[in-house]
């Protein structure tokens, strides 16, 4: 395929690879409760080490609530240069104005193109397959506790092939000692460590 003259030569994948340390992705996913209510979990993922930076839970995500979550996720001068998100209507004018004031360049993906926000979509898939599919959520507080434990597991224990089989929060290699298994999320996962 010959590139068009009015288009930049840099592809989306190249853009993501070149600016990895300054990119964060956000997305929402739905979690049903035992009473068949829908809760929305909001996730913020940093691309540099694929670290889950922030999560929040609500019954109805509004633009004001999402704007407040972005402010809490990136206090002071920790905001990324780019923010990748989908074109959900929940990201309204208030959210866009807050992102602009924080100095973040908003990069919404094309309609019906989840592959453009692949890293956070993969995080949501992992959270569903490794946690949410095995747990019955009672209410908002229960979901917050579950996501808090999963975030600790995801950032500190779970290995990623793209990070050379390391966790997003780098950990030292344990070479000597007996191996023990520490249960996480009630035994759903385990952390194997040497003592």
Protein backbone atom coordinates (compact mmCIF):
# COMPACT_ATOMS: atom_id res chain seq x y z
CA UNK A 1 0.00 0.00 0.00
CA UNK A 2 1.42 3.36 -1.02
CA UNK A 3 1.02 6.08 1.67
CA UNK A 4 -1.06 9.08 0.71
CA UNK A 5 0.72 12.43 0.45
CA UNK A 6 -1.59 14.22 2.87
CA UNK A 7 -1.04 11.61 5.59
CA UNK A 8 1.90 11.41 7.97
CA UNK A 9 4.21 8.45 7.47
CA UNK A 10 4.06 7.45 11.11
CA UNK A 11 1.61 4.63 11.82
CA UNK A 12 -0.45 4.29 14.99
CA UNK A 13 1.80 1.47 16.24
CA UNK A 14 4.92 3.57 15.65
CA UNK A 15 3.36 6.51 17.48
CA UNK A 16 2.60 4.29 20.50
CA UNK A 17 6.10 2.80 20.53
CA UNK A 18 7.85 6.18 20.17
CA UNK A 19 5.88 7.96 22.90
CA UNK A 20 5.33 5.05 25.27
CA UNK A 21 6.58 6.80 28.43
CA UNK A 22 4.23 9.74 27.93
CA UNK A 23 1.02 7.84 27.14
CA UNK A 24 -1.81 6.72 29.39
CA UNK A 25 -4.96 4.88 28.31
CA UNK A 26 -8.35 4.98 29.96
CA UNK A 27 -11.50 2.94 29.58
CA UNK A 28 -14.65 1.82 31.38
CA UNK A 29 -16.03 -1.68 31.72
CA UNK A 30 -19.27 -2.99 33.16
CA UNK A 31 -19.44 -5.38 36.12
CA UNK A 32 -22.80 -6.93 37.11
CA UNK A 33 -23.65 -7.36 40.80
CA UNK A 34 -25.48 -10.16 42.57
CA UNK A 35 -28.65 -7.98 42.43
CA UNK A 36 -28.25 -7.62 38.61
CA UNK A 37 -27.22 -3.98 38.86
CA UNK A 38 -24.51 -2.59 36.61
CA UNK A 39 -21.40 -1.02 38.08
CA UNK A 40 -18.83 0.77 35.95
CA UNK A 41 -15.12 0.34 36.65
CA UNK A 42 -12.82 3.07 35.32
CA UNK A 43 -9.19 2.09 34.65
CA UNK A 44 -6.11 4.18 33.89
CA UNK A 45 -3.10 2.35 32.44
CA UNK A 46 0.40 3.81 31.97
CA UNK A 47 2.03 2.52 28.77
CA UNK A 48 5.67 2.72 29.89
CA UNK A 49 5.55 -0.31 32.22
CA UNK A 50 1.92 -1.29 31.57
CA UNK A 51 1.13 -0.29 35.13
CA UNK A 52 -2.43 0.05 36.40
CA UNK A 53 -2.23 3.61 37.69
CA UNK A 54 -5.77 4.24 38.91
CA UNK A 55 -9.19 2.63 39.18
CA UNK A 56 -12.57 3.84 40.38
CA UNK A 57 -16.09 2.45 40.61
CA UNK A 58 -19.46 4.14 40.07
CA UNK A 59 -23.05 3.35 39.20
CA UNK A 60 -23.26 6.02 36.50
CA UNK A 61 -20.17 7.58 34.93
CA UNK A 62 -20.76 11.24 34.13
CA UNK A 63 -18.33 13.64 32.48
CA UNK A 64 -17.90 15.45 35.82
CA UNK A 65 -17.10 12.20 37.66
CA UNK A 66 -14.63 11.14 34.96
CA UNK A 67 -12.95 14.57 35.05
CA UNK A 68 -12.53 14.24 38.82
CA UNK A 69 -11.03 10.76 38.38
CA UNK A 70 -8.45 12.07 35.88
CA UNK A 71 -7.49 14.81 38.34
CA UNK A 72 -7.08 12.25 41.13
CA UNK A 73 -5.17 9.82 38.90
CA UNK A 74 -2.63 12.46 37.86
CA UNK A 75 -2.02 14.93 40.71
CA UNK A 76 0.22 17.96 40.21
CA UNK A 77 2.83 17.43 37.48
CA UNK A 78 2.39 13.69 36.91
CA UNK A 79 0.02 13.97 33.94
CA UNK A 80 1.05 12.14 30.76
CA UNK A 81 1.54 13.95 27.49
CA UNK A 82 -1.09 11.90 25.64
CA UNK A 83 -4.32 10.25 26.79
CA UNK A 84 -5.87 7.53 24.63
CA UNK A 85 -9.57 6.83 25.12
CA UNK A 86 -12.55 5.62 23.15
CA UNK A 87 -15.39 7.79 21.88
CA UNK A 88 -17.83 7.02 24.67
CA UNK A 89 -20.46 9.70 25.28
CA UNK A 90 -19.51 9.70 28.96
CA UNK A 91 -16.34 11.61 28.04
CA UNK A 92 -18.25 14.87 27.58
CA UNK A 93 -17.30 18.53 27.39
CA UNK A 94 -16.39 18.81 31.10
CA UNK A 95 -13.97 15.88 30.79
CA UNK A 96 -12.38 17.25 27.61
CA UNK A 97 -11.96 20.70 29.18
CA UNK A 98 -10.29 19.21 32.29
CA UNK A 99 -7.86 17.19 30.20
CA UNK A 100 -6.99 20.26 28.12
CA UNK A 101 -6.39 22.38 31.25
CA UNK A 102 -4.08 19.69 32.66
CA UNK A 103 -1.93 19.95 29.50
CA UNK A 104 -2.80 16.47 28.26
CA UNK A 105 -3.29 15.93 24.53
CA UNK A 106 -6.54 13.99 24.13
CA UNK A 107 -6.36 11.21 21.53
CA UNK A 108 -9.77 9.54 21.07
CA UNK A 109 -9.72 6.38 18.99
CA UNK A 110 -11.77 5.89 15.85
CA UNK A 111 -15.31 4.60 16.23
CA UNK A 112 -15.54 0.84 16.71
CA UNK A 113 -11.75 0.44 16.79
CA UNK A 114 -10.87 -1.19 20.12
CA UNK A 115 -7.52 -2.32 18.70
CA UNK A 116 -6.34 1.32 18.82
CA UNK A 117 -6.61 1.19 22.61
CA UNK A 118 -5.30 -2.35 22.81
CA UNK A 119 -3.28 -2.17 26.02
CA UNK A 120 -6.14 -1.06 28.24
CA UNK A 121 -8.51 -3.44 26.41
CA UNK A 122 -6.05 -6.24 27.23
CA UNK A 123 -6.02 -5.11 30.88
CA UNK A 124 -9.82 -5.25 30.96
CA UNK A 125 -9.76 -8.71 29.40
CA UNK A 126 -7.20 -9.88 31.95
CA UNK A 127 -9.23 -8.42 34.82
CA UNK A 128 -12.32 -10.20 33.56
CA UNK A 129 -10.68 -13.58 32.88
CA UNK A 130 -8.39 -13.63 35.91
CA UNK A 131 -10.72 -12.08 38.48
CA UNK A 132 -14.25 -10.91 37.65
CA UNK A 133 -15.37 -14.17 36.02
CA UNK A 134 -14.61 -16.00 39.29
CA UNK A 135 -16.11 -13.57 41.80
CA UNK A 136 -19.68 -12.52 42.55
CA UNK A 137 -19.73 -8.79 43.23
CA UNK A 138 -22.05 -7.65 46.01
CA UNK A 139 -21.90 -3.84 45.74
CA UNK A 140 -19.63 -0.88 44.93
CA UNK A 141 -17.48 -1.24 48.04
CA UNK A 142 -16.97 -4.94 47.39
CA UNK A 143 -15.91 -4.22 43.79
CA UNK A 144 -13.46 -1.56 45.02
CA UNK A 145 -11.87 -4.07 47.42
CA UNK A 146 -11.61 -6.71 44.69
CA UNK A 147 -10.08 -4.25 42.21
CA UNK A 148 -7.66 -3.01 44.86
CA UNK A 149 -6.37 -6.53 45.45
CA UNK A 150 -6.28 -7.23 41.72
CA UNK A 151 -4.36 -4.00 41.08
CA UNK A 152 -1.74 -5.04 43.65
CA UNK A 153 -1.51 -8.48 42.03
CA UNK A 154 -1.35 -7.02 38.50
CA UNK A 155 1.31 -4.40 39.32
CA UNK A 156 3.52 -6.33 41.75
CA UNK A 157 3.18 -10.05 40.99
CA UNK A 158 1.74 -10.81 37.56
CA UNK A 159 4.41 -11.21 34.91
CA UNK A 160 4.21 -9.67 31.43
CA UNK A 161 5.98 -11.07 28.39
CA UNK A 162 6.46 -7.57 26.98
CA UNK A 163 8.42 -6.64 30.13
CA UNK A 164 10.74 -9.63 29.92
CA UNK A 165 8.57 -11.66 32.31
CA UNK A 166 8.78 -8.94 34.95
CA UNK A 167 5.94 -7.20 36.77
CA UNK A 168 5.15 -3.52 36.09
CA UNK A 169 6.62 -2.64 39.50
CA UNK A 170 10.09 -4.10 39.12
CA UNK A 171 10.99 -6.69 41.72
CA UNK A 172 14.31 -8.25 42.66
CA UNK A 173 15.22 -11.75 41.53
CA UNK A 174 15.09 -14.20 44.44
CA UNK A 175 17.74 -16.86 43.87
CA UNK A 176 18.03 -18.70 47.18
CA UNK A 177 15.64 -20.15 49.75
CA UNK A 178 12.59 -22.35 49.91
CA UNK A 179 9.63 -21.47 47.71
CA UNK A 180 6.32 -20.69 49.37
CA UNK A 181 2.94 -19.85 47.84
CA UNK A 182 1.07 -16.83 49.19
CA UNK A 183 -2.63 -16.75 48.21
CA UNK A 184 -4.02 -13.62 46.54
CA UNK A 185 -7.73 -12.84 46.10
CA UNK A 186 -8.73 -15.70 48.37
CA UNK A 187 -6.54 -18.25 46.58
CA UNK A 188 -7.64 -17.30 43.06
CA UNK A 189 -3.98 -16.46 42.33
CA UNK A 190 -0.73 -17.06 44.18
CA UNK A 191 2.54 -15.23 44.62
CA UNK A 192 5.48 -17.59 44.73
CA UNK A 193 8.41 -16.28 46.73
CA UNK A 194 11.55 -17.57 48.36
CA UNK A 195 12.07 -17.28 52.11
